[in-house]
């Protein structure tokens, strides 16, 4: 085997091994975290009535969809790609359409959450802002637009052989065409990058300023703590998305431009290996919400402990008791949490 061929084979093996190990690790942690998010946001009455919390619940569902319908198939497709049957197992078109759907949904939801926090923190009464019914309609509209937006990605992608290798890669069928130019130069940097990050940043920072001024007004302490918690969670998630997604978007565009203007198979393989590293960062953006919420919100940590070890554990214990002891009411427990925060 010649030296360039051996080098290409080594790169392919390293890429496959790295993608398999890191990808499955991120997917596992992400699914566990998103499931715990869903449990907390659906179990506490405080969250069930709050539009921003409903956005974070929907965000966890959307990110779970991204992990299950893009990250997991893409990881296994990379393994099967070594055997040249990726197209049969996980069609390229589906792998490209689903991330567009769930990715745009995620951006919509985060924008909704930031706007809702800006409105709610600027009003003396939470009910004067966006209510839960309006938020549900807005999210349904976001789902509809996201699905429509993903249809062209389904139509204009196909599996193609990677030059100089036994592998395949998912590429545009109209290279340098109108849609590929839109997808690379408009959709990724603007619609999936600058636009949502700008909206979340502007409304999130205004909400943060409003929260800091809420203690000067006659606002219930429980509501003040909730608004502080949700604003902190939204802004921290936005900051994490900026750090993770911006390098991925920059490299994706750079790789597309270079690949379209070079026929050097070794260099293309090197770019593909680096690209797989940035794909792992993209996976991470859909897997880190739960851990970000734990890190930035001690209140969320206490709420998680209450739901898992008090609410569900006591409910489980009641099933084995003939005369079950009455459990602590949720509102009382949340009140205890609020009192602890005041100390």
C-alpha atoms as a PDB file:
ATOM      1  CA  UNK A   1       0.000   0.000   0.000  1.00  0.00           C
ATOM      2  CA  UNK A   2       1.400   3.385  -0.966  1.00  0.00           C
ATOM      3  CA  UNK A   3       2.092   6.065   1.604  1.00  0.00           C
ATOM      4  CA  UNK A   4      -0.789   8.409   0.566  1.00  0.00           C
ATOM      5  CA  UNK A   5      -3.224   5.480   0.568  1.00  0.00           C
ATOM      6  CA  UNK A   6      -2.079   4.401   4.031  1.00  0.00           C
ATOM      7  CA  UNK A   7      -2.447   7.957   5.296  1.00  0.00           C
ATOM      8  CA  UNK A   8      -5.984   8.188   3.873  1.00  0.00           C
ATOM      9  CA  UNK A   9      -6.928   4.877   5.461  1.00  0.00           C
ATOM     10  CA  UNK A  10      -5.587   6.051   8.826  1.00  0.00           C
ATOM     11  CA  UNK A  11      -7.564   9.282   8.613  1.00  0.00           C
ATOM     12  CA  UNK A  12     -10.718   7.358   7.780  1.00  0.00           C
ATOM     13  CA  UNK A  13     -10.235   5.000  10.735  1.00  0.00           C
ATOM     14  CA  UNK A  14      -9.526   7.864  13.150  1.00  0.00           C
ATOM     15  CA  UNK A  15     -12.609   9.750  11.947  1.00  0.00           C
ATOM     16  CA  UNK A  16     -14.840   6.713  12.352  1.00  0.00           C
ATOM     17  CA  UNK A  17     -13.515   5.853  15.824  1.00  0.00           C
ATOM     18  CA  UNK A  18     -13.699   9.449  17.065  1.00  0.00           C
ATOM     19  CA  UNK A  19     -17.230   9.984  15.738  1.00  0.00           C
ATOM     20  CA  UNK A  20     -18.483   6.728  17.224  1.00  0.00           C
ATOM     21  CA  UNK A  21     -17.079   7.193  20.743  1.00  0.00           C
ATOM     22  CA  UNK A  22     -17.670  10.913  21.206  1.00  0.00           C
ATOM     23  CA  UNK A  23     -20.980  10.953  19.328  1.00  0.00           C
ATOM     24  CA  UNK A  24     -22.558   8.134  21.339  1.00  0.00           C
ATOM     25  CA  UNK A  25     -21.289   9.679  24.594  1.00  0.00           C
ATOM     26  CA  UNK A  26     -22.844  13.073  23.773  1.00  0.00           C
ATOM     27  CA  UNK A  27     -26.110  11.493  22.598  1.00  0.00           C
ATOM     28  CA  UNK A  28     -26.436   9.414  25.782  1.00  0.00           C
ATOM     29  CA  UNK A  29     -25.791  12.337  28.142  1.00  0.00           C
ATOM     30  CA  UNK A  30     -28.002  14.605  26.057  1.00  0.00           C
ATOM     31  CA  UNK A  31     -30.986  12.263  26.067  1.00  0.00           C
ATOM     32  CA  UNK A  32     -30.703  11.725  29.825  1.00  0.00           C
ATOM     33  CA  UNK A  33     -30.560  15.486  30.397  1.00  0.00           C
ATOM     34  CA  UNK A  34     -33.452  16.287  28.067  1.00  0.00           C
ATOM     35  CA  UNK A  35     -35.640  13.614  29.672  1.00  0.00           C
ATOM     36  CA  UNK A  36     -34.915  15.055  33.119  1.00  0.00           C
ATOM     37  CA  UNK A  37     -35.761  18.534  31.813  1.00  0.00           C
ATOM     38  CA  UNK A  38     -39.088  17.264  30.503  1.00  0.00           C
ATOM     39  CA  UNK A  39     -39.853  15.587  33.847  1.00  0.00           C
ATOM     40  CA  UNK A  40     -39.135  18.757  35.845  1.00  0.00           C
ATOM     41  CA  UNK A  41     -40.990  21.155  33.535  1.00  0.00           C
ATOM     42  CA  UNK A  42     -44.088  18.933  33.383  1.00  0.00           C
ATOM     43  CA  UNK A  43     -44.168  17.989  37.077  1.00  0.00           C
ATOM     44  CA  UNK A  44     -44.168  21.401  38.762  1.00  0.00           C
ATOM     45  CA  UNK A  45     -47.253  23.598  38.639  1.00  0.00           C
ATOM     46  CA  UNK A  46     -44.995  26.642  38.704  1.00  0.00           C
ATOM     47  CA  UNK A  47     -43.585  25.730  35.309  1.00  0.00           C
ATOM     48  CA  UNK A  48     -46.759  24.360  33.733  1.00  0.00           C
ATOM     49  CA  UNK A  49     -48.418  27.790  33.869  1.00  0.00           C
ATOM     50  CA  UNK A  50     -45.404  29.771  32.649  1.00  0.00           C
ATOM     51  CA  UNK A  51     -44.974  30.473  28.872  1.00  0.00           C
ATOM     52  CA  UNK A  52     -41.177  30.745  29.098  1.00  0.00           C
ATOM     53  CA  UNK A  53     -40.954  27.442  30.971  1.00  0.00           C
ATOM     54  CA  UNK A  54     -43.208  25.921  28.307  1.00  0.00           C
ATOM     55  CA  UNK A  55     -40.688  27.138  25.723  1.00  0.00           C
ATOM     56  CA  UNK A  56     -37.866  25.430  27.617  1.00  0.00           C
ATOM     57  CA  UNK A  57     -39.953  22.247  27.778  1.00  0.00           C
ATOM     58  CA  UNK A  58     -40.494  22.378  24.014  1.00  0.00           C
ATOM     59  CA  UNK A  59     -36.790  23.139  23.583  1.00  0.00           C
ATOM     60  CA  UNK A  60     -35.907  19.892  25.376  1.00  0.00           C
ATOM     61  CA  UNK A  61     -38.280  17.962  23.106  1.00  0.00           C
ATOM     62  CA  UNK A  62     -36.828  19.618  20.000  1.00  0.00           C
ATOM     63  CA  UNK A  63     -33.258  18.913  21.087  1.00  0.00           C
ATOM     64  CA  UNK A  64     -34.187  15.288  21.789  1.00  0.00           C
ATOM     65  CA  UNK A  65     -35.517  15.111  18.230  1.00  0.00           C
ATOM     66  CA  UNK A  66     -32.228  16.520  16.938  1.00  0.00           C
ATOM     67  CA  UNK A  67     -30.243  13.880  18.820  1.00  0.00           C
ATOM     68  CA  UNK A  68     -32.500  10.962  17.842  1.00  0.00           C
ATOM     69  CA  UNK A  69     -33.185  11.866  14.215  1.00  0.00           C
ATOM     70  CA  UNK A  70     -29.896  13.505  13.229  1.00  0.00           C
ATOM     71  CA  UNK A  71     -27.051  12.844  15.665  1.00  0.00           C
ATOM     72  CA  UNK A  72     -27.777   9.135  16.193  1.00  0.00           C
ATOM     73  CA  UNK A  73     -28.372   8.268  12.492  1.00  0.00           C
ATOM     74  CA  UNK A  74     -25.388  10.398  11.477  1.00  0.00           C
ATOM     75  CA  UNK A  75     -23.162   8.579  13.969  1.00  0.00           C
ATOM     76  CA  UNK A  76     -24.219   5.144  12.756  1.00  0.00           C
ATOM     77  CA  UNK A  77     -24.076   6.270   9.127  1.00  0.00           C
ATOM     78  CA  UNK A  78     -20.460   7.247   9.691  1.00  0.00           C
ATOM     79  CA  UNK A  79     -19.790   3.716  10.985  1.00  0.00           C
ATOM     80  CA  UNK A  80     -21.612   2.031   8.111  1.00  0.00           C
ATOM     81  CA  UNK A  81     -19.970   4.444   5.680  1.00  0.00           C
ATOM     82  CA  UNK A  82     -16.814   2.428   6.157  1.00  0.00           C
ATOM     83  CA  UNK A  83     -18.739  -0.520   4.675  1.00  0.00           C
ATOM     84  CA  UNK A  84     -20.249   1.619   1.907  1.00  0.00           C
ATOM     85  CA  UNK A  85     -23.892   0.978   2.802  1.00  0.00           C
ATOM     86  CA  UNK A  86     -24.733   4.237   4.556  1.00  0.00           C
ATOM     87  CA  UNK A  87     -27.193   5.235   1.863  1.00  0.00           C
ATOM     88  CA  UNK A  88     -29.181   2.030   2.294  1.00  0.00           C
ATOM     89  CA  UNK A  89     -29.260   2.241   6.089  1.00  0.00           C
ATOM     90  CA  UNK A  90     -29.796   5.952   6.743  1.00  0.00           C
ATOM     91  CA  UNK A  91     -30.829   7.893   3.625  1.00  0.00           C
ATOM     92  CA  UNK A  92     -28.939  11.120   3.139  1.00  0.00           C
ATOM     93  CA  UNK A  93     -32.062  13.144   2.430  1.00  0.00           C
ATOM     94  CA  UNK A  94     -33.588  12.326   5.812  1.00  0.00           C
ATOM     95  CA  UNK A  95     -30.351  13.105   7.643  1.00  0.00           C
ATOM     96  CA  UNK A  96     -30.304  16.560   6.057  1.00  0.00           C
ATOM     97  CA  UNK A  97     -34.002  17.414   6.430  1.00  0.00           C
ATOM     98  CA  UNK A  98     -34.461  16.579  10.128  1.00  0.00           C
ATOM     99  CA  UNK A  99     -31.702  18.862  11.501  1.00  0.00           C
ATOM    100  CA  UNK A 100     -33.178  21.767   9.556  1.00  0.00           C
ATOM    101  CA  UNK A 101     -36.596  21.119  11.101  1.00  0.00           C
ATOM    102  CA  UNK A 102     -35.414  20.714  14.686  1.00  0.00           C
ATOM    103  CA  UNK A 103     -32.680  23.353  14.353  1.00  0.00           C
ATOM    104  CA  UNK A 104     -35.075  26.059  13.203  1.00  0.00           C
ATOM    105  CA  UNK A 105     -37.604  25.001  15.859  1.00  0.00           C
ATOM    106  CA  UNK A 106     -34.902  25.429  18.504  1.00  0.00           C
ATOM    107  CA  UNK A 107     -34.086  28.943  17.286  1.00  0.00           C
ATOM    108  CA  UNK A 108     -37.775  29.910  17.194  1.00  0.00           C
ATOM    109  CA  UNK A 109     -38.317  28.604  20.725  1.00  0.00           C
ATOM    110  CA  UNK A 110     -35.304  30.396  22.177  1.00  0.00           C
ATOM    111  CA  UNK A 111     -36.416  33.653  20.536  1.00  0.00           C
ATOM    112  CA  UNK A 112     -39.923  33.185  21.953  1.00  0.00           C
ATOM    113  CA  UNK A 113     -38.498  32.544  25.430  1.00  0.00           C
ATOM    114  CA  UNK A 114     -36.316  35.672  25.342  1.00  0.00           C
ATOM    115  CA  UNK A 115     -39.180  37.850  24.061  1.00  0.00           C
ATOM    116  CA  UNK A 116     -41.552  36.441  26.681  1.00  0.00           C
ATOM    117  CA  UNK A 117     -39.076  37.195  29.466  1.00  0.00           C
ATOM    118  CA  UNK A 118     -38.591  40.735  28.193  1.00  0.00           C
ATOM    119  CA  UNK A 119     -42.376  41.324  28.232  1.00  0.00           C
ATOM    120  CA  UNK A 120     -43.094  39.610  31.537  1.00  0.00           C
ATOM    121  CA  UNK A 121     -40.299  41.344  33.436  1.00  0.00           C
ATOM    122  CA  UNK A 122     -41.430  44.786  32.225  1.00  0.00           C
ATOM    123  CA  UNK A 123     -44.990  44.372  33.543  1.00  0.00           C
ATOM    124  CA  UNK A 124     -46.203  44.388  37.139  1.00  0.00           C
ATOM    125  CA  UNK A 125     -48.476  41.392  36.505  1.00  0.00           C
ATOM    126  CA  UNK A 126     -47.271  38.246  34.710  1.00  0.00           C
ATOM    127  CA  UNK A 127     -50.721  37.730  33.143  1.00  0.00           C
ATOM    128  CA  UNK A 128     -50.391  40.947  31.109  1.00  0.00           C
ATOM    129  CA  UNK A 129     -47.720  39.402  28.881  1.00  0.00           C
ATOM    130  CA  UNK A 130     -47.886  36.386  26.600  1.00  0.00           C
ATOM    131  CA  UNK A 131     -50.085  33.703  28.143  1.00  0.00           C
ATOM    132  CA  UNK A 132     -49.637  29.969  27.776  1.00  0.00           C
ATOM    133  CA  UNK A 133     -52.404  29.686  25.169  1.00  0.00           C
ATOM    134  CA  UNK A 134     -50.789  32.253  22.862  1.00  0.00           C
ATOM    135  CA  UNK A 135     -47.396  30.593  23.307  1.00  0.00           C
ATOM    136  CA  UNK A 136     -48.799  27.237  22.226  1.00  0.00           C
ATOM    137  CA  UNK A 137     -50.161  28.794  19.042  1.00  0.00           C
ATOM    138  CA  UNK A 138     -46.814  30.489  18.366  1.00  0.00           C
ATOM    139  CA  UNK A 139     -44.962  27.208  18.762  1.00  0.00           C
ATOM    140  CA  UNK A 140     -47.381  25.468  16.388  1.00  0.00           C
ATOM    141  CA  UNK A 141     -46.627  28.191  13.825  1.00  0.00           C
ATOM    142  CA  UNK A 142     -42.888  27.656  14.395  1.00  0.00           C
ATOM    143  CA  UNK A 143     -43.262  23.906  13.808  1.00  0.00           C
ATOM    144  CA  UNK A 144     -45.173  24.512  10.569  1.00  0.00           C
ATOM    145  CA  UNK A 145     -42.573  26.969   9.231  1.00  0.00           C
ATOM    146  CA  UNK A 146     -39.693  24.684  10.254  1.00  0.00           C
ATOM    147  CA  UNK A 147     -41.174  21.705   8.409  1.00  0.00           C
ATOM    148  CA  UNK A 148     -41.739  23.786   5.264  1.00  0.00           C
ATOM    149  CA  UNK A 149     -38.200  25.123   5.429  1.00  0.00           C
ATOM    150  CA  UNK A 150     -36.739  21.604   5.594  1.00  0.00           C
ATOM    151  CA  UNK A 151     -38.489  20.319   2.444  1.00  0.00           C
ATOM    152  CA  UNK A 152     -35.953  21.826  -0.045  1.00  0.00           C
ATOM    153  CA  UNK A 153     -33.111  20.262   1.958  1.00  0.00           C
ATOM    154  CA  UNK A 154     -34.807  16.900   1.478  1.00  0.00           C
ATOM    155  CA  UNK A 155     -35.128  17.467  -2.258  1.00  0.00           C
ATOM    156  CA  UNK A 156     -31.684  18.937  -3.020  1.00  0.00           C
ATOM    157  CA  UNK A 157     -29.409  16.538  -1.112  1.00  0.00           C
ATOM    158  CA  UNK A 158     -28.047  13.181  -2.189  1.00  0.00           C
ATOM    159  CA  UNK A 159     -25.290  10.708  -1.316  1.00  0.00           C
ATOM    160  CA  UNK A 160     -22.085  11.118  -3.367  1.00  0.00           C
ATOM    161  CA  UNK A 161     -18.741   9.330  -3.342  1.00  0.00           C
ATOM    162  CA  UNK A 162     -15.959  11.167  -1.527  1.00  0.00           C
ATOM    163  CA  UNK A 163     -13.093  11.582  -3.997  1.00  0.00           C
ATOM    164  CA  UNK A 164     -10.188   9.239  -3.424  1.00  0.00           C
ATOM    165  CA  UNK A 165     -11.903   7.199  -0.703  1.00  0.00           C
ATOM    166  CA  UNK A 166     -14.350   4.356  -0.276  1.00  0.00           C
ATOM    167  CA  UNK A 167     -16.696   6.600   1.685  1.00  0.00           C
ATOM    168  CA  UNK A 168     -19.656   8.711   0.737  1.00  0.00           C
ATOM    169  CA  UNK A 169     -20.783  12.164   1.772  1.00  0.00           C
ATOM    170  CA  UNK A 170     -24.097  13.978   1.721  1.00  0.00           C
ATOM    171  CA  UNK A 171     -23.905  16.921  -0.708  1.00  0.00           C
ATOM    172  CA  UNK A 172     -26.088  19.315  -2.644  1.00  0.00           C
ATOM    173  CA  UNK A 173     -27.282  18.030  -5.998  1.00  0.00           C
ATOM    174  CA  UNK A 174     -27.064  21.576  -7.396  1.00  0.00           C
ATOM    175  CA  UNK A 175     -23.517  22.470  -6.367  1.00  0.00           C
ATOM    176  CA  UNK A 176     -23.019  26.231  -6.836  1.00  0.00           C
ATOM    177  CA  UNK A 177     -26.713  26.461  -7.700  1.00  0.00           C
ATOM    178  CA  UNK A 178     -29.239  28.886  -6.237  1.00  0.00           C
ATOM    179  CA  UNK A 179     -30.338  26.659  -3.368  1.00  0.00           C
ATOM    180  CA  UNK A 180     -26.814  25.618  -2.335  1.00  0.00           C
ATOM    181  CA  UNK A 181     -25.784  29.287  -2.257  1.00  0.00           C
ATOM    182  CA  UNK A 182     -28.831  30.088  -0.101  1.00  0.00           C
ATOM    183  CA  UNK A 183     -28.151  27.152   2.244  1.00  0.00           C
ATOM    184  CA  UNK A 184     -24.473  27.981   2.773  1.00  0.00           C
ATOM    185  CA  UNK A 185     -24.340  31.783   2.640  1.00  0.00           C
ATOM    186  CA  UNK A 186     -27.802  32.793   3.926  1.00  0.00           C
ATOM    187  CA  UNK A 187     -29.421  29.958   5.855  1.00  0.00           C
ATOM    188  CA  UNK A 188     -26.449  28.954   7.989  1.00  0.00           C
ATOM    189  CA  UNK A 189     -24.806  32.290   8.854  1.00  0.00           C
ATOM    190  CA  UNK A 190     -27.936  34.467   8.955  1.00  0.00           C
ATOM    191  CA  UNK A 191     -31.118  32.445   9.600  1.00  0.00           C
ATOM    192  CA  UNK A 192     -29.432  29.826  11.790  1.00  0.00           C
ATOM    193  CA  UNK A 193     -26.790  32.104  13.280  1.00  0.00           C
ATOM    194  CA  UNK A 194     -26.755  35.900  13.396  1.00  0.00           C
ATOM    195  CA  UNK A 195     -30.525  36.515  13.353  1.00  0.00           C
ATOM    196  CA  UNK A 196     -31.643  34.266  16.255  1.00  0.00           C
ATOM    197  CA  UNK A 197     -28.561  35.073  18.343  1.00  0.00           C
ATOM    198  CA  UNK A 198     -29.195  38.811  17.892  1.00  0.00           C
ATOM    199  CA  UNK A 199     -32.881  38.507  18.870  1.00  0.00           C
ATOM    200  CA  UNK A 200     -32.105  36.380  21.926  1.00  0.00           C
ATOM    201  CA  UNK A 201     -29.254  38.675  22.987  1.00  0.00           C
ATOM    202  CA  UNK A 202     -31.227  41.923  22.694  1.00  0.00           C
ATOM    203  CA  UNK A 203     -34.414  40.723  24.413  1.00  0.00           C
ATOM    204  CA  UNK A 204     -32.508  38.602  26.940  1.00  0.00           C
ATOM    205  CA  UNK A 205     -30.297  41.482  28.061  1.00  0.00           C
ATOM    206  CA  UNK A 206     -33.334  43.778  28.379  1.00  0.00           C
ATOM    207  CA  UNK A 207     -35.034  41.086  30.470  1.00  0.00           C
ATOM    208  CA  UNK A 208     -31.929  40.829  32.650  1.00  0.00           C
ATOM    209  CA  UNK A 209     -31.988  44.589  33.248  1.00  0.00           C
ATOM    210  CA  UNK A 210     -35.700  44.431  34.080  1.00  0.00           C
ATOM    211  CA  UNK A 211     -35.176  41.575  36.535  1.00  0.00           C
ATOM    212  CA  UNK A 212     -32.509  43.533  38.376  1.00  0.00           C
ATOM    213  CA  UNK A 213     -34.966  46.402  38.783  1.00  0.00           C
ATOM    214  CA  UNK A 214     -37.912  44.230  39.847  1.00  0.00           C
ATOM    215  CA  UNK A 215     -36.869  44.176  43.495  1.00  0.00           C
ATOM    216  CA  UNK A 216     -37.569  47.930  43.598  1.00  0.00           C
ATOM    217  CA  UNK A 217     -41.184  47.276  42.660  1.00  0.00           C
ATOM    218  CA  UNK A 218     -43.895  45.555  44.642  1.00  0.00           C
ATOM    219  CA  UNK A 219     -43.433  42.129  43.102  1.00  0.00           C
ATOM    220  CA  UNK A 220     -44.091  38.852  44.876  1.00  0.00           C
ATOM    221  CA  UNK A 221     -40.882  37.193  45.978  1.00  0.00           C
ATOM    222  CA  UNK A 222     -41.829  33.848  44.433  1.00  0.00           C
ATOM    223  CA  UNK A 223     -42.422  35.491  41.052  1.00  0.00           C
ATOM    224  CA  UNK A 224     -39.174  37.465  41.369  1.00  0.00           C
ATOM    225  CA  UNK A 225     -37.198  34.279  41.980  1.00  0.00           C
ATOM    226  CA  UNK A 226     -38.912  32.544  39.062  1.00  0.00           C
ATOM    227  CA  UNK A 227     -38.202  35.417  36.659  1.00  0.00           C
ATOM    228  CA  UNK A 228     -34.579  35.550  37.780  1.00  0.00           C
ATOM    229  CA  UNK A 229     -34.255  31.809  37.274  1.00  0.00           C
ATOM    230  CA  UNK A 230     -35.798  31.713  33.791  1.00  0.00           C
ATOM    231  CA  UNK A 231     -33.891  34.771  32.547  1.00  0.00           C
ATOM    232  CA  UNK A 232     -30.628  33.283  33.764  1.00  0.00           C
ATOM    233  CA  UNK A 233     -31.377  29.952  32.071  1.00  0.00           C
ATOM    234  CA  UNK A 234     -32.293  31.554  28.735  1.00  0.00           C
ATOM    235  CA  UNK A 235     -29.252  33.851  28.644  1.00  0.00           C
ATOM    236  CA  UNK A 236     -26.808  31.128  29.668  1.00  0.00           C
ATOM    237  CA  UNK A 237     -28.184  28.793  26.997  1.00  0.00           C
ATOM    238  CA  UNK A 238     -27.819  31.580  24.421  1.00  0.00           C
ATOM    239  CA  UNK A 239     -24.213  32.223  25.497  1.00  0.00           C
ATOM    240  CA  UNK A 240     -23.422  28.503  25.230  1.00  0.00           C
ATOM    241  CA  UNK A 241     -25.005  28.320  21.748  1.00  0.00           C
ATOM    242  CA  UNK A 242     -22.849  31.249  20.586  1.00  0.00           C
ATOM    243  CA  UNK A 243     -19.641  29.568  21.768  1.00  0.00           C
ATOM    244  CA  UNK A 244     -20.565  26.211  20.221  1.00  0.00           C
ATOM    245  CA  UNK A 245     -22.331  27.137  16.983  1.00  0.00           C
ATOM    246  CA  UNK A 246     -20.289  30.056  15.673  1.00  0.00           C
ATOM    247  CA  UNK A 247     -17.058  28.032  15.149  1.00  0.00           C
ATOM    248  CA  UNK A 248     -19.108  25.291  13.465  1.00  0.00           C
ATOM    249  CA  UNK A 249     -20.814  27.749  11.101  1.00  0.00           C
ATOM    250  CA  UNK A 250     -17.533  29.464  10.204  1.00  0.00           C
ATOM    251  CA  UNK A 251     -15.770  26.179   9.456  1.00  0.00           C
ATOM    252  CA  UNK A 252     -18.757  24.795   7.515  1.00  0.00           C
ATOM    253  CA  UNK A 253     -18.746  27.771   5.143  1.00  0.00           C
ATOM    254  CA  UNK A 254     -14.930  27.721   4.849  1.00  0.00           C
ATOM    255  CA  UNK A 255     -14.910  24.003   4.068  1.00  0.00           C
ATOM    256  CA  UNK A 256     -17.630  24.404   1.454  1.00  0.00           C
ATOM    257  CA  UNK A 257     -15.695  27.160  -0.339  1.00  0.00           C
ATOM    258  CA  UNK A 258     -12.379  25.271  -0.246  1.00  0.00           C
ATOM    259  CA  UNK A 259     -13.894  21.938  -1.325  1.00  0.00           C
ATOM    260  CA  UNK A 260     -15.576  23.556  -4.308  1.00  0.00           C
ATOM    261  CA  UNK A 261     -12.230  24.903  -5.535  1.00  0.00           C
ATOM    262  CA  UNK A 262      -9.809  22.026  -4.986  1.00  0.00           C
ATOM    263  CA  UNK A 263      -9.438  18.456  -6.215  1.00  0.00           C
ATOM    264  CA  UNK A 264      -6.763  17.470  -3.704  1.00  0.00           C
ATOM    265  CA  UNK A 265      -8.224  14.280  -2.214  1.00  0.00           C
ATOM    266  CA  UNK A 266      -5.868  14.210   0.778  1.00  0.00           C
ATOM    267  CA  UNK A 267      -6.692  17.780   1.701  1.00  0.00           C
ATOM    268  CA  UNK A 268     -10.414  17.094   1.312  1.00  0.00           C
ATOM    269  CA  UNK A 269     -10.104  14.088   3.610  1.00  0.00           C
ATOM    270  CA  UNK A 270      -8.283  16.231   6.182  1.00  0.00           C
ATOM    271  CA  UNK A 271     -11.054  18.813   5.990  1.00  0.00           C
ATOM    272  CA  UNK A 272     -13.639  16.074   6.442  1.00  0.00           C
ATOM    273  CA  UNK A 273     -11.856  14.814   9.579  1.00  0.00           C
ATOM    274  CA  UNK A 274     -11.836  18.310  11.094  1.00  0.00           C
ATOM    275  CA  UNK A 275     -15.466  18.721  10.028  1.00  0.00           C
ATOM    276  CA  UNK A 276     -16.431  15.655  12.095  1.00  0.00           C
ATOM    277  CA  UNK A 277     -14.918  17.346  15.137  1.00  0.00           C
ATOM    278  CA  UNK A 278     -17.087  20.406  14.611  1.00  0.00           C
ATOM    279  CA  UNK A 279     -20.124  18.157  14.082  1.00  0.00           C
ATOM    280  CA  UNK A 280     -19.537  16.908  17.630  1.00  0.00           C
ATOM    281  CA  UNK A 281     -19.810  20.513  18.815  1.00  0.00           C
ATOM    282  CA  UNK A 282     -23.065  20.767  16.896  1.00  0.00           C
ATOM    283  CA  UNK A 283     -24.340  17.664  18.711  1.00  0.00           C
ATOM    284  CA  UNK A 284     -23.278  19.194  22.014  1.00  0.00           C
ATOM    285  CA  UNK A 285     -25.551  22.183  21.478  1.00  0.00           C
ATOM    286  CA  UNK A 286     -28.543  19.814  21.598  1.00  0.00           C
ATOM    287  CA  UNK A 287     -27.254  17.939  24.639  1.00  0.00           C
ATOM    288  CA  UNK A 288     -26.141  20.603  27.110  1.00  0.00           C
ATOM    289  CA  UNK A 289     -29.372  22.366  28.177  1.00  0.00           C
ATOM    290  CA  UNK A 290     -29.991  20.308  31.332  1.00  0.00           C
ATOM    291  CA  UNK A 291     -26.403  20.683  32.529  1.00  0.00           C
ATOM    292  CA  UNK A 292     -26.420  24.407  31.766  1.00  0.00           C
ATOM    293  CA  UNK A 293     -29.634  24.832  33.783  1.00  0.00           C
ATOM    294  CA  UNK A 294     -28.095  22.935  36.707  1.00  0.00           C
ATOM    295  CA  UNK A 295     -24.936  25.041  36.588  1.00  0.00           C
ATOM    296  CA  UNK A 296     -26.592  28.466  36.333  1.00  0.00           C
ATOM    297  CA  UNK A 297     -29.625  27.926  38.589  1.00  0.00           C
ATOM    298  CA  UNK A 298     -29.349  26.544  42.144  1.00  0.00           C
ATOM    299  CA  UNK A 299     -33.146  26.787  42.274  1.00  0.00           C
ATOM    300  CA  UNK A 300     -33.439  24.366  39.341  1.00  0.00           C
ATOM    301  CA  UNK A 301     -31.133  21.977  41.184  1.00  0.00           C
ATOM    302  CA  UNK A 302     -33.443  22.015  44.224  1.00  0.00           C
ATOM    303  CA  UNK A 303     -36.500  21.617  42.012  1.00  0.00           C
ATOM    304  CA  UNK A 304     -34.922  18.582  40.366  1.00  0.00           C
ATOM    305  CA  UNK A 305     -34.209  16.999  43.767  1.00  0.00           C
ATOM    306  CA  UNK A 306     -37.767  17.715  44.881  1.00  0.00           C
ATOM    307  CA  UNK A 307     -39.309  16.117  41.778  1.00  0.00           C
ATOM    308  CA  UNK A 308     -37.080  13.033  41.719  1.00  0.00           C
ATOM    309  CA  UNK A 309     -36.600  12.234  45.406  1.00  0.00           C
ATOM    310  CA  UNK A 310     -39.657  13.746  47.029  1.00  0.00           C
ATOM    311  CA  UNK A 311     -42.505  13.705  44.568  1.00  0.00           C
ATOM    312  CA  UNK A 312     -41.862  10.533  42.554  1.00  0.00           C
ATOM    313  CA  UNK A 313     -40.187   8.551  45.339  1.00  0.00           C
ATOM    314  CA  UNK A 314     -43.003   9.285  47.776  1.00  0.00           C
ATOM    315  CA  UNK A 315     -45.578   8.432  45.125  1.00  0.00           C
ATOM    316  CA  UNK A 316     -43.788   5.126  44.558  1.00  0.00           C
ATOM    317  CA  UNK A 317     -43.697   4.412  48.299  1.00  0.00           C
ATOM    318  CA  UNK A 318     -47.401   5.132  48.641  1.00  0.00           C
ATOM    319  CA  UNK A 319     -48.205   2.224  46.335  1.00  0.00           C
ATOM    320  CA  UNK A 320     -46.851  -0.212  48.931  1.00  0.00           C
ATOM    321  CA  UNK A 321     -48.660   1.321  51.936  1.00  0.00           C
ATOM    322  CA  UNK A 322     -52.215   0.503  52.978  1.00  0.00           C
ATOM    323  CA  UNK A 323     -52.601   3.809  54.864  1.00  0.00           C
ATOM    324  CA  UNK A 324     -50.247   6.159  53.046  1.00  0.00           C
ATOM    325  CA  UNK A 325     -49.072   9.237  54.849  1.00  0.00           C
ATOM    326  CA  UNK A 326     -50.187  12.462  53.234  1.00  0.00           C
ATOM    327  CA  UNK A 327     -47.301  13.956  51.220  1.00  0.00           C
ATOM    328  CA  UNK A 328     -46.102  17.517  51.372  1.00  0.00           C
ATOM    329  CA  UNK A 329     -48.035  19.666  48.905  1.00  0.00           C
ATOM    330  CA  UNK A 330     -46.110  20.896  45.893  1.00  0.00           C
ATOM    331  CA  UNK A 331     -46.913  24.545  46.544  1.00  0.00           C
ATOM    332  CA  UNK A 332     -45.674  24.217  50.109  1.00  0.00           C
ATOM    333  CA  UNK A 333     -42.471  22.563  48.941  1.00  0.00           C
ATOM    334  CA  UNK A 334     -41.843  25.272  46.354  1.00  0.00           C
ATOM    335  CA  UNK A 335     -42.480  27.820  49.067  1.00  0.00           C
ATOM    336  CA  UNK A 336     -39.762  26.161  51.146  1.00  0.00           C
ATOM    337  CA  UNK A 337     -37.432  26.428  48.168  1.00  0.00           C
ATOM    338  CA  UNK A 338     -38.207  30.132  47.855  1.00  0.00           C
ATOM    339  CA  UNK A 339     -37.618  30.686  51.576  1.00  0.00           C
ATOM    340  CA  UNK A 340     -34.250  28.961  51.334  1.00  0.00           C
ATOM    341  CA  UNK A 341     -33.258  31.296  48.511  1.00  0.00           C
ATOM    342  CA  UNK A 342     -34.050  34.332  50.613  1.00  0.00           C
ATOM    343  CA  UNK A 343     -31.576  33.326  53.289  1.00  0.00           C
END
